[in-house]
Amino acid sequence: VWELVDKPFGKSVIKLKWLWKNKMDEDQTVIRNKARLVAKGYAQEEGIDFKESFAPVACLEAVQIFIAYAAHKSFPIFWMDVKMAFLNGPLKEEVYVAQSEGFVDPDHP
């Protein structure tokens, strides 16, 4: 949920960027166009825009041991993709994002 507000003094605003992608079939014919509006979070600075970050990543050795043990015991391994697990979670902080190009409200530039 978002609300259009004036930029508060002393707060940084995250800019937005459009990402465009064409889905193609096996003949390289475009079958669908995809567009995503993403925030440029990589432009933030630690200590100014956020306090800390955390990315849970398994170390390579742990993954190799897991696969070796499963192979030794003939356990089936099922794949599960969890990259969207925290995408829609509630934020603790207020985040200010710029309006996208072409959609700027003149009352809140």
C-alpha atoms as a PDB file:
ATOM      1  CA  VAL A   1       0.000   0.000   0.000  1.00  0.00           C
ATOM      2  CA  TRP A   2       1.341   3.413  -0.869  1.00  0.00           C
ATOM      3  CA  GLU A   3       0.266   6.997  -0.530  1.00  0.00           C
ATOM      4  CA  LEU A   4       1.367  10.007  -2.594  1.00  0.00           C
ATOM      5  CA  VAL A   5       3.018  12.552  -0.255  1.00  0.00           C
ATOM      6  CA  ASP A   6       5.423  15.475  -0.444  1.00  0.00           C
ATOM      7  CA  LYS A   7       9.069  14.580   0.181  1.00  0.00           C
ATOM      8  CA  PRO A   8       9.873  15.026   3.877  1.00  0.00           C
ATOM      9  CA  PHE A   9      12.908  17.177   4.661  1.00  0.00           C
ATOM     10  CA  GLY A  10      16.054  15.129   5.219  1.00  0.00           C
ATOM     11  CA  LYS A  11      14.650  11.893   3.788  1.00  0.00           C
ATOM     12  CA  SER A  12      16.129  10.247   0.712  1.00  0.00           C
ATOM     13  CA  VAL A  13      13.937   9.079  -2.144  1.00  0.00           C
ATOM     14  CA  ILE A  14      14.571   5.831  -4.026  1.00  0.00           C
ATOM     15  CA  LYS A  15      14.304   6.248  -7.790  1.00  0.00           C
ATOM     16  CA  LEU A  16      12.432   3.816 -10.029  1.00  0.00           C
ATOM     17  CA  LYS A  17      13.345   2.080 -13.270  1.00  0.00           C
ATOM     18  CA  TRP A  18      11.303   0.208 -15.865  1.00  0.00           C
ATOM     19  CA  LEU A  19      12.541  -3.245 -16.899  1.00  0.00           C
ATOM     20  CA  TRP A  20      11.311  -4.594 -20.229  1.00  0.00           C
ATOM     21  CA  LYS A  21      11.544  -8.209 -21.352  1.00  0.00           C
ATOM     22  CA  ASN A  22      10.244 -10.086 -24.381  1.00  0.00           C
ATOM     23  CA  LYS A  23       9.131 -13.703 -23.960  1.00  0.00           C
ATOM     24  CA  MET A  24       9.991 -15.705 -27.073  1.00  0.00           C
ATOM     25  CA  ASP A  25       9.034 -19.128 -28.375  1.00  0.00           C
ATOM     26  CA  GLU A  26      11.437 -21.667 -29.891  1.00  0.00           C
ATOM     27  CA  ASP A  27      11.383 -19.803 -33.246  1.00  0.00           C
ATOM     28  CA  GLN A  28      12.466 -16.566 -31.504  1.00  0.00           C
ATOM     29  CA  THR A  29       9.076 -15.004 -32.182  1.00  0.00           C
ATOM     30  CA  VAL A  30       7.884 -12.600 -29.493  1.00  0.00           C
ATOM     31  CA  ILE A  31       4.864 -14.147 -27.779  1.00  0.00           C
ATOM     32  CA  ARG A  32       4.556 -11.812 -24.788  1.00  0.00           C
ATOM     33  CA  ASN A  33       5.973  -8.536 -23.525  1.00  0.00           C
ATOM     34  CA  LYS A  34       6.669  -8.114 -19.825  1.00  0.00           C
ATOM     35  CA  ALA A  35       7.257  -4.871 -17.964  1.00  0.00           C
ATOM     36  CA  ARG A  36       8.264  -4.396 -14.341  1.00  0.00           C
ATOM     37  CA  LEU A  37       8.699  -1.241 -12.317  1.00  0.00           C
ATOM     38  CA  VAL A  38      11.521  -1.745  -9.818  1.00  0.00           C
ATOM     39  CA  ALA A  39      13.088   0.423  -7.134  1.00  0.00           C
ATOM     40  CA  LYS A  40      16.800   1.201  -7.438  1.00  0.00           C
ATOM     41  CA  GLY A  41      17.596  -0.002  -3.929  1.00  0.00           C
ATOM     42  CA  TYR A  42      21.253  -0.478  -4.850  1.00  0.00           C
ATOM     43  CA  ALA A  43      21.705   3.310  -4.712  1.00  0.00           C
ATOM     44  CA  GLN A  44      21.046   3.381  -0.959  1.00  0.00           C
ATOM     45  CA  GLU A  45      23.849   3.927   1.543  1.00  0.00           C
ATOM     46  CA  GLU A  46      24.263   1.931   4.746  1.00  0.00           C
ATOM     47  CA  GLY A  47      23.834   4.054   7.852  1.00  0.00           C
ATOM     48  CA  ILE A  48      21.914   6.711   5.913  1.00  0.00           C
ATOM     49  CA  ASP A  49      19.109   4.889   4.116  1.00  0.00           C
ATOM     50  CA  PHE A  50      19.158   1.643   6.110  1.00  0.00           C
ATOM     51  CA  LYS A  51      20.801   0.242   9.236  1.00  0.00           C
ATOM     52  CA  GLU A  52      21.642  -3.313   8.251  1.00  0.00           C
ATOM     53  CA  SER A  53      20.965  -5.894   5.571  1.00  0.00           C
ATOM     54  CA  PHE A  54      20.832  -9.659   5.613  1.00  0.00           C
ATOM     55  CA  ALA A  55      20.759 -12.184   2.793  1.00  0.00           C
ATOM     56  CA  PRO A  56      20.394 -15.816   3.862  1.00  0.00           C
ATOM     57  CA  VAL A  57      22.666 -17.769   1.521  1.00  0.00           C
ATOM     58  CA  ALA A  58      23.828 -21.352   1.992  1.00  0.00           C
ATOM     59  CA  CYS A  59      27.562 -21.921   1.731  1.00  0.00           C
ATOM     60  CA  LEU A  60      28.715 -24.166  -1.126  1.00  0.00           C
ATOM     61  CA  GLU A  61      30.174 -26.811   1.210  1.00  0.00           C
ATOM     62  CA  ALA A  62      26.839 -27.243   3.018  1.00  0.00           C
ATOM     63  CA  VAL A  63      25.024 -27.762  -0.287  1.00  0.00           C
ATOM     64  CA  GLN A  64      27.647 -30.282  -1.466  1.00  0.00           C
ATOM     65  CA  ILE A  65      27.423 -32.251   1.806  1.00  0.00           C
ATOM     66  CA  PHE A  66      23.634 -32.266   1.581  1.00  0.00           C
ATOM     67  CA  ILE A  67      23.683 -33.606  -1.997  1.00  0.00           C
ATOM     68  CA  ALA A  68      26.348 -36.224  -1.174  1.00  0.00           C
ATOM     69  CA  TYR A  69      24.407 -37.453   1.870  1.00  0.00           C
ATOM     70  CA  ALA A  70      21.143 -37.632  -0.097  1.00  0.00           C
ATOM     71  CA  ALA A  71      22.891 -39.577  -2.875  1.00  0.00           C
ATOM     72  CA  HIS A  72      24.503 -41.956  -0.354  1.00  0.00           C
ATOM     73  CA  LYS A  73      21.133 -42.696   1.295  1.00  0.00           C
ATOM     74  CA  SER A  74      19.234 -42.696  -2.053  1.00  0.00           C
ATOM     75  CA  PHE A  75      17.009 -39.865  -0.842  1.00  0.00           C
ATOM     76  CA  PRO A  76      15.118 -37.955  -3.535  1.00  0.00           C
ATOM     77  CA  ILE A  77      15.861 -34.240  -3.618  1.00  0.00           C
ATOM     78  CA  PHE A  78      13.025 -31.891  -4.471  1.00  0.00           C
ATOM     79  CA  TRP A  79      13.651 -28.352  -5.676  1.00  0.00           C
ATOM     80  CA  MET A  80      11.906 -25.439  -3.995  1.00  0.00           C
ATOM     81  CA  ASP A  81      12.345 -21.821  -5.049  1.00  0.00           C
ATOM     82  CA  VAL A  82      11.777 -19.369  -2.197  1.00  0.00           C
ATOM     83  CA  LYS A  83      13.005 -16.123  -3.736  1.00  0.00           C
ATOM     84  CA  MET A  84       9.553 -14.529  -3.272  1.00  0.00           C
ATOM     85  CA  ALA A  85       9.210 -15.512   0.398  1.00  0.00           C
ATOM     86  CA  PHE A  86       9.831 -12.053   1.850  1.00  0.00           C
ATOM     87  CA  LEU A  87       8.731  -9.915  -1.080  1.00  0.00           C
ATOM     88  CA  ASN A  88       5.392  -8.848   0.372  1.00  0.00           C
ATOM     89  CA  GLY A  89       6.325  -8.777   4.043  1.00  0.00           C
ATOM     90  CA  PRO A  90       5.570  -5.698   6.150  1.00  0.00           C
ATOM     91  CA  LEU A  91       8.302  -3.059   6.401  1.00  0.00           C
ATOM     92  CA  LYS A  92       9.405  -1.640   9.744  1.00  0.00           C
ATOM     93  CA  GLU A  93      10.659   1.611   8.201  1.00  0.00           C
ATOM     94  CA  GLU A  94       9.032   4.271   6.086  1.00  0.00           C
ATOM     95  CA  VAL A  95      10.325   4.140   2.512  1.00  0.00           C
ATOM     96  CA  TYR A  96       9.999   7.010   0.057  1.00  0.00           C
ATOM     97  CA  VAL A  97       9.967   6.118  -3.639  1.00  0.00           C
ATOM     98  CA  ALA A  98       9.954   8.603  -6.529  1.00  0.00           C
ATOM     99  CA  GLN A  99       7.113   8.688  -9.014  1.00  0.00           C
ATOM    100  CA  SER A 100       7.858   6.897 -12.252  1.00  0.00           C
ATOM    101  CA  GLU A 101       8.650   8.884 -15.384  1.00  0.00           C
ATOM    102  CA  GLY A 102       5.520   9.898 -17.265  1.00  0.00           C
ATOM    103  CA  PHE A 103       3.259   9.420 -14.235  1.00  0.00           C
ATOM    104  CA  VAL A 104       4.211  12.441 -12.134  1.00  0.00           C
ATOM    105  CA  ASP A 105       1.362  14.133 -10.267  1.00  0.00           C
ATOM    106  CA  PRO A 106       1.723  17.939 -10.654  1.00  0.00           C
ATOM    107  CA  ASP A 107       0.440  18.465  -7.087  1.00  0.00           C
ATOM    108  CA  HIS A 108       3.239  16.254  -5.681  1.00  0.00           C
ATOM    109  CA  PRO A 109       6.253  16.681  -8.024  1.00  0.00           C
END
